[in-house]
N, C-alpha and C. Protein backbone atom coordinates (compact mmCIF):
# COMPACT_ATOMS: atom_id res chain seq x y z
N GLN A 1 -9.62 17.47 13.62
CA GLN A 1 -8.27 17.02 13.90
C GLN A 1 -7.74 16.23 12.70
N VAL A 2 -6.53 16.54 12.27
CA VAL A 2 -5.92 15.90 11.11
C VAL A 2 -5.16 14.68 11.59
N GLN A 3 -5.60 13.49 11.21
CA GLN A 3 -4.90 12.29 11.65
C GLN A 3 -5.36 11.07 10.88
N LEU A 4 -4.53 10.04 10.92
CA LEU A 4 -4.85 8.71 10.41
C LEU A 4 -4.76 7.75 11.58
N VAL A 5 -5.80 6.94 11.76
CA VAL A 5 -5.84 6.02 12.88
C VAL A 5 -6.01 4.60 12.34
N GLU A 6 -4.96 3.78 12.53
CA GLU A 6 -5.01 2.39 12.08
C GLU A 6 -5.58 1.49 13.17
N SER A 7 -6.16 0.40 12.72
CA SER A 7 -6.64 -0.64 13.64
C SER A 7 -6.68 -1.96 12.88
N GLY A 8 -6.86 -3.05 13.63
CA GLY A 8 -7.02 -4.35 13.00
C GLY A 8 -5.81 -5.25 13.07
N GLY A 9 -4.70 -4.76 13.61
CA GLY A 9 -3.54 -5.62 13.74
C GLY A 9 -3.73 -6.65 14.82
N GLY A 10 -2.77 -7.59 14.91
CA GLY A 10 -2.85 -8.61 15.94
C GLY A 10 -1.96 -9.78 15.62
N LEU A 11 -2.19 -10.85 16.36
CA LEU A 11 -1.44 -12.08 16.19
C LEU A 11 -2.28 -13.08 15.39
N VAL A 12 -1.68 -13.66 14.36
CA VAL A 12 -2.39 -14.62 13.52
C VAL A 12 -1.42 -15.73 13.12
N GLN A 13 -1.95 -16.91 12.91
CA GLN A 13 -1.12 -18.03 12.49
C GLN A 13 -0.81 -17.94 11.00
N PRO A 14 0.27 -18.55 10.55
CA PRO A 14 0.56 -18.58 9.11
C PRO A 14 -0.62 -19.15 8.34
N GLY A 15 -0.90 -18.52 7.19
CA GLY A 15 -2.06 -18.91 6.40
C GLY A 15 -3.33 -18.18 6.76
N GLY A 16 -3.32 -17.46 7.85
CA GLY A 16 -4.51 -16.74 8.30
C GLY A 16 -4.68 -15.40 7.61
N SER A 17 -5.72 -14.68 8.04
CA SER A 17 -6.06 -13.40 7.41
C SER A 17 -6.29 -12.33 8.48
N LEU A 18 -6.04 -11.10 8.07
CA LEU A 18 -6.35 -9.93 8.88
C LEU A 18 -6.80 -8.82 7.94
N ARG A 19 -7.63 -7.92 8.45
CA ARG A 19 -7.98 -6.73 7.70
C ARG A 19 -7.62 -5.50 8.51
N LEU A 20 -6.73 -4.70 7.98
CA LEU A 20 -6.35 -3.45 8.62
C LEU A 20 -7.25 -2.33 8.13
N SER A 21 -7.57 -1.42 9.03
CA SER A 21 -8.37 -0.25 8.69
C SER A 21 -7.60 1.01 9.02
N CYS A 22 -7.85 2.06 8.26
CA CYS A 22 -7.22 3.36 8.50
C CYS A 22 -8.31 4.42 8.35
N ALA A 23 -8.75 4.94 9.48
CA ALA A 23 -9.77 5.99 9.47
C ALA A 23 -9.08 7.35 9.34
N ALA A 24 -9.47 8.10 8.32
CA ALA A 24 -8.76 9.34 8.00
C ALA A 24 -9.57 10.57 8.39
N SER A 25 -8.86 11.55 8.94
CA SER A 25 -9.42 12.87 9.21
C SER A 25 -8.45 13.89 8.62
N GLY A 26 -8.96 14.86 7.88
CA GLY A 26 -8.07 15.82 7.25
C GLY A 26 -7.41 15.28 6.00
N CYS A 27 -7.88 14.15 5.55
CA CYS A 27 -7.36 13.52 4.33
C CYS A 27 -8.54 12.80 3.69
N THR A 28 -9.03 13.31 2.58
CA THR A 28 -10.17 12.70 1.91
C THR A 28 -9.67 11.59 1.00
N VAL A 29 -9.98 10.34 1.37
CA VAL A 29 -9.33 9.20 0.71
C VAL A 29 -9.66 9.13 -0.78
N ARG A 30 -10.81 9.67 -1.18
CA ARG A 30 -11.15 9.57 -2.60
C ARG A 30 -10.38 10.58 -3.45
N ASN A 31 -9.75 11.54 -2.78
CA ASN A 31 -9.06 12.60 -3.52
C ASN A 31 -7.56 12.40 -3.61
N TYR A 32 -7.00 11.60 -2.69
CA TYR A 32 -5.55 11.54 -2.60
C TYR A 32 -5.04 10.12 -2.78
N VAL A 33 -3.74 10.01 -2.95
CA VAL A 33 -3.09 8.71 -3.03
C VAL A 33 -2.90 8.18 -1.62
N MET A 34 -3.44 7.00 -1.38
CA MET A 34 -3.35 6.36 -0.06
C MET A 34 -2.47 5.12 -0.16
N SER A 35 -1.67 4.91 0.86
CA SER A 35 -0.75 3.77 0.84
C SER A 35 -0.69 3.10 2.20
N TRP A 36 -0.23 1.87 2.16
CA TRP A 36 0.16 1.12 3.37
C TRP A 36 1.65 0.82 3.25
N TYR A 37 2.36 1.07 4.33
CA TYR A 37 3.77 0.73 4.46
C TYR A 37 3.92 -0.23 5.63
N ARG A 38 5.06 -0.89 5.71
CA ARG A 38 5.37 -1.70 6.89
C ARG A 38 6.85 -1.58 7.21
N GLN A 39 7.15 -1.84 8.47
CA GLN A 39 8.53 -1.71 8.94
C GLN A 39 8.82 -2.72 10.02
N VAL A 40 9.98 -3.34 9.93
CA VAL A 40 10.49 -4.21 10.98
C VAL A 40 11.71 -3.54 11.59
N PRO A 41 12.01 -3.83 12.84
CA PRO A 41 13.15 -3.18 13.50
C PRO A 41 14.44 -3.37 12.72
N GLY A 42 15.18 -2.29 12.54
CA GLY A 42 16.46 -2.36 11.87
C GLY A 42 16.40 -2.28 10.37
N LYS A 43 15.17 -2.17 9.82
CA LYS A 43 15.03 -2.10 8.37
C LYS A 43 14.27 -0.83 7.99
N GLU A 44 14.42 -0.44 6.72
CA GLU A 44 13.70 0.73 6.23
C GLU A 44 12.23 0.41 6.06
N ARG A 45 11.44 1.47 6.13
CA ARG A 45 10.00 1.30 5.89
C ARG A 45 9.78 0.89 4.42
N GLU A 46 8.90 -0.09 4.24
CA GLU A 46 8.68 -0.70 2.93
C GLU A 46 7.27 -0.38 2.43
N LEU A 47 7.16 0.05 1.17
CA LEU A 47 5.85 0.28 0.59
C LEU A 47 5.18 -1.06 0.27
N VAL A 48 3.96 -1.22 0.76
CA VAL A 48 3.23 -2.48 0.58
C VAL A 48 2.19 -2.36 -0.53
N ALA A 49 1.39 -1.30 -0.47
CA ALA A 49 0.30 -1.16 -1.45
C ALA A 49 -0.11 0.30 -1.55
N THR A 50 -0.58 0.67 -2.75
CA THR A 50 -1.02 2.03 -3.01
C THR A 50 -2.31 2.00 -3.81
N ILE A 51 -3.20 2.94 -3.50
CA ILE A 51 -4.42 3.10 -4.28
C ILE A 51 -4.53 4.57 -4.66
N THR A 52 -4.78 4.83 -5.93
CA THR A 52 -4.84 6.21 -6.38
C THR A 52 -6.23 6.79 -6.11
N SER A 53 -6.33 8.08 -6.30
CA SER A 53 -7.58 8.77 -6.01
C SER A 53 -8.74 8.12 -6.75
N ALA A 54 -9.82 7.98 -6.04
CA ALA A 54 -11.03 7.36 -6.56
C ALA A 54 -10.84 5.88 -6.90
N GLY A 55 -9.75 5.29 -6.43
CA GLY A 55 -9.52 3.87 -6.63
C GLY A 55 -9.29 3.48 -8.07
N SER A 56 -8.80 4.41 -8.88
CA SER A 56 -8.65 4.13 -10.30
C SER A 56 -7.57 3.11 -10.59
N SER A 57 -6.59 3.00 -9.70
CA SER A 57 -5.58 1.96 -9.89
C SER A 57 -4.94 1.60 -8.56
N THR A 58 -4.39 0.40 -8.51
CA THR A 58 -3.71 -0.09 -7.32
C THR A 58 -2.36 -0.67 -7.71
N ASN A 59 -1.43 -0.63 -6.77
CA ASN A 59 -0.12 -1.23 -6.97
C ASN A 59 0.31 -1.92 -5.69
N TYR A 60 1.08 -3.01 -5.87
CA TYR A 60 1.49 -3.82 -4.73
C TYR A 60 2.96 -4.18 -4.82
N ALA A 61 3.56 -4.34 -3.67
CA ALA A 61 4.90 -4.92 -3.63
C ALA A 61 4.83 -6.35 -4.14
N GLU A 62 5.90 -6.78 -4.79
CA GLU A 62 5.91 -8.13 -5.34
C GLU A 62 5.66 -9.19 -4.27
N SER A 63 6.14 -8.93 -3.08
CA SER A 63 6.05 -9.92 -2.01
C SER A 63 4.62 -10.15 -1.52
N VAL A 64 3.70 -9.23 -1.85
CA VAL A 64 2.33 -9.37 -1.35
C VAL A 64 1.30 -9.52 -2.47
N LYS A 65 1.73 -9.43 -3.72
CA LYS A 65 0.79 -9.55 -4.84
C LYS A 65 0.04 -10.87 -4.78
N GLY A 66 -1.27 -10.78 -5.01
CA GLY A 66 -2.10 -11.98 -4.98
C GLY A 66 -2.57 -12.36 -3.58
N ARG A 67 -2.01 -11.73 -2.55
CA ARG A 67 -2.41 -12.04 -1.17
C ARG A 67 -3.06 -10.85 -0.47
N PHE A 68 -2.61 -9.65 -0.79
CA PHE A 68 -3.12 -8.44 -0.13
C PHE A 68 -3.97 -7.64 -1.11
N THR A 69 -4.98 -6.95 -0.58
CA THR A 69 -5.83 -6.09 -1.39
C THR A 69 -6.07 -4.78 -0.66
N ILE A 70 -5.80 -3.67 -1.34
CA ILE A 70 -6.06 -2.34 -0.77
C ILE A 70 -7.36 -1.82 -1.37
N SER A 71 -8.15 -1.17 -0.52
CA SER A 71 -9.43 -0.64 -0.98
C SER A 71 -9.82 0.55 -0.12
N THR A 72 -10.82 1.28 -0.57
CA THR A 72 -11.32 2.43 0.20
C THR A 72 -12.83 2.36 0.33
N ASP A 73 -13.33 2.95 1.40
CA ASP A 73 -14.75 3.20 1.58
C ASP A 73 -14.90 4.71 1.68
N ASN A 74 -15.33 5.32 0.60
CA ASN A 74 -15.37 6.79 0.58
C ASN A 74 -16.39 7.34 1.56
N GLY A 75 -17.47 6.61 1.78
CA GLY A 75 -18.47 7.07 2.74
C GLY A 75 -17.95 7.13 4.16
N LYS A 76 -17.07 6.20 4.49
CA LYS A 76 -16.46 6.17 5.83
C LYS A 76 -15.11 6.86 5.86
N ASN A 77 -14.65 7.32 4.71
CA ASN A 77 -13.33 7.94 4.59
C ASN A 77 -12.26 7.05 5.22
N THR A 78 -12.27 5.82 4.83
CA THR A 78 -11.40 4.80 5.41
C THR A 78 -10.73 4.00 4.30
N VAL A 79 -9.48 3.63 4.53
CA VAL A 79 -8.77 2.75 3.61
C VAL A 79 -8.47 1.44 4.32
N TYR A 80 -8.54 0.36 3.60
CA TYR A 80 -8.37 -0.98 4.16
C TYR A 80 -7.20 -1.71 3.50
N LEU A 81 -6.68 -2.66 4.23
CA LEU A 81 -5.72 -3.60 3.66
C LEU A 81 -6.15 -4.99 4.09
N GLN A 82 -6.69 -5.73 3.15
CA GLN A 82 -7.07 -7.12 3.40
C GLN A 82 -5.85 -7.99 3.15
N MET A 83 -5.45 -8.74 4.15
CA MET A 83 -4.25 -9.56 4.06
C MET A 83 -4.63 -11.01 4.24
N ASN A 84 -4.42 -11.80 3.20
CA ASN A 84 -4.72 -13.23 3.22
C ASN A 84 -3.46 -14.05 3.10
N ASN A 85 -3.57 -15.32 3.48
CA ASN A 85 -2.43 -16.24 3.39
C ASN A 85 -1.17 -15.61 3.99
N LEU A 86 -1.30 -15.12 5.19
CA LEU A 86 -0.19 -14.42 5.83
C LEU A 86 0.98 -15.35 6.12
N LYS A 87 2.17 -14.79 6.02
CA LYS A 87 3.41 -15.53 6.23
C LYS A 87 4.19 -14.88 7.37
N PRO A 88 5.07 -15.63 8.02
CA PRO A 88 5.87 -15.04 9.10
C PRO A 88 6.63 -13.79 8.66
N GLU A 89 7.05 -13.75 7.42
CA GLU A 89 7.79 -12.58 6.93
C GLU A 89 6.92 -11.35 6.74
N ASP A 90 5.62 -11.48 6.91
CA ASP A 90 4.73 -10.32 6.88
C ASP A 90 4.68 -9.62 8.24
N THR A 91 5.31 -10.21 9.24
CA THR A 91 5.33 -9.60 10.57
C THR A 91 6.02 -8.25 10.52
N ALA A 92 5.33 -7.21 10.99
CA ALA A 92 5.84 -5.84 10.93
C ALA A 92 4.84 -4.91 11.59
N VAL A 93 5.26 -3.66 11.76
CA VAL A 93 4.31 -2.60 12.09
C VAL A 93 3.84 -2.01 10.77
N TYR A 94 2.53 -1.94 10.60
CA TYR A 94 1.93 -1.44 9.37
C TYR A 94 1.44 -0.01 9.58
N TYR A 95 1.78 0.84 8.61
CA TYR A 95 1.44 2.26 8.70
C TYR A 95 0.59 2.69 7.52
N CYS A 96 -0.37 3.52 7.80
CA CYS A 96 -1.19 4.15 6.77
C CYS A 96 -0.56 5.49 6.40
N TYR A 97 -0.68 5.86 5.12
CA TYR A 97 -0.03 7.06 4.61
C TYR A 97 -0.95 7.76 3.62
N CYS A 98 -1.05 9.08 3.76
CA CYS A 98 -1.86 9.88 2.86
C CYS A 98 -0.98 10.94 2.21
N ASN A 99 -0.96 10.96 0.89
CA ASN A 99 -0.20 11.96 0.16
C ASN A 99 -1.18 13.01 -0.35
N ARG A 100 -1.16 14.16 0.31
CA ARG A 100 -2.09 15.22 -0.05
C ARG A 100 -1.46 16.22 -1.00
N ALA A 101 -0.45 15.76 -1.73
CA ALA A 101 0.23 16.59 -2.73
C ALA A 101 0.72 17.89 -2.06
N GLY A 102 0.28 19.03 -2.56
CA GLY A 102 0.76 20.30 -2.03
C GLY A 102 0.35 20.58 -0.61
N TRP A 103 -0.53 19.79 -0.06
CA TRP A 103 -1.00 19.99 1.31
C TRP A 103 -0.22 19.15 2.30
N GLY A 104 0.78 18.43 1.84
CA GLY A 104 1.62 17.66 2.75
C GLY A 104 1.19 16.22 2.87
N THR A 105 1.88 15.50 3.72
CA THR A 105 1.63 14.07 3.90
C THR A 105 1.26 13.78 5.35
N LEU A 106 0.59 12.66 5.54
CA LEU A 106 0.19 12.22 6.88
C LEU A 106 0.59 10.77 7.07
N TRP A 107 0.99 10.44 8.30
CA TRP A 107 1.27 9.07 8.70
C TRP A 107 0.40 8.72 9.90
N GLY A 108 -0.04 7.46 9.93
CA GLY A 108 -0.70 6.96 11.11
C GLY A 108 0.33 6.54 12.15
N GLN A 109 -0.17 6.08 13.30
CA GLN A 109 0.71 5.72 14.40
C GLN A 109 1.24 4.29 14.27
N GLY A 110 0.63 3.51 13.39
CA GLY A 110 1.07 2.13 13.16
C GLY A 110 0.26 1.11 13.94
N THR A 111 0.17 -0.09 13.38
CA THR A 111 -0.48 -1.21 14.06
C THR A 111 0.37 -2.45 13.84
N GLN A 112 0.57 -3.21 14.91
CA GLN A 112 1.47 -4.38 14.86
C GLN A 112 0.74 -5.58 14.28
N VAL A 113 1.38 -6.22 13.32
CA VAL A 113 0.91 -7.50 12.78
C VAL A 113 2.00 -8.54 13.06
N THR A 114 1.61 -9.61 13.73
CA THR A 114 2.54 -10.69 14.03
C THR A 114 1.98 -11.99 13.49
N VAL A 115 2.77 -12.66 12.65
CA VAL A 115 2.36 -13.93 12.05
C VAL A 115 3.27 -15.01 12.63
N SER A 116 2.68 -15.88 13.46
CA SER A 116 3.47 -16.87 14.17
C SER A 116 2.58 -18.02 14.59
N VAL A 117 3.19 -19.20 14.75
CA VAL A 117 2.43 -20.35 15.25
C VAL A 117 2.27 -20.23 16.76
């Protein structure tokens, strides 16, 4: 079955940490560009972080640089987003994304992250 399944979201206080996971099927994370996006109601989906095939490079939105880290576990075919020093403005639904080039793209179903006291 071809799918991306996110997990790890939840409620956390400002300054706290969460680690999101994205288990991939039909998308080999070491071969493709993997990304995390987020979206709040009424706004466009925002690119948060990207990791290129084999983890050769990473890129981050300015708003999360120094706080978030994207990584992959090729053995588990999973991509992670480690989020530290979370702020209320990080509250959103986070989506995993796989760009399989000529084979199309995949989106996960999303996981809610809420940062609040």
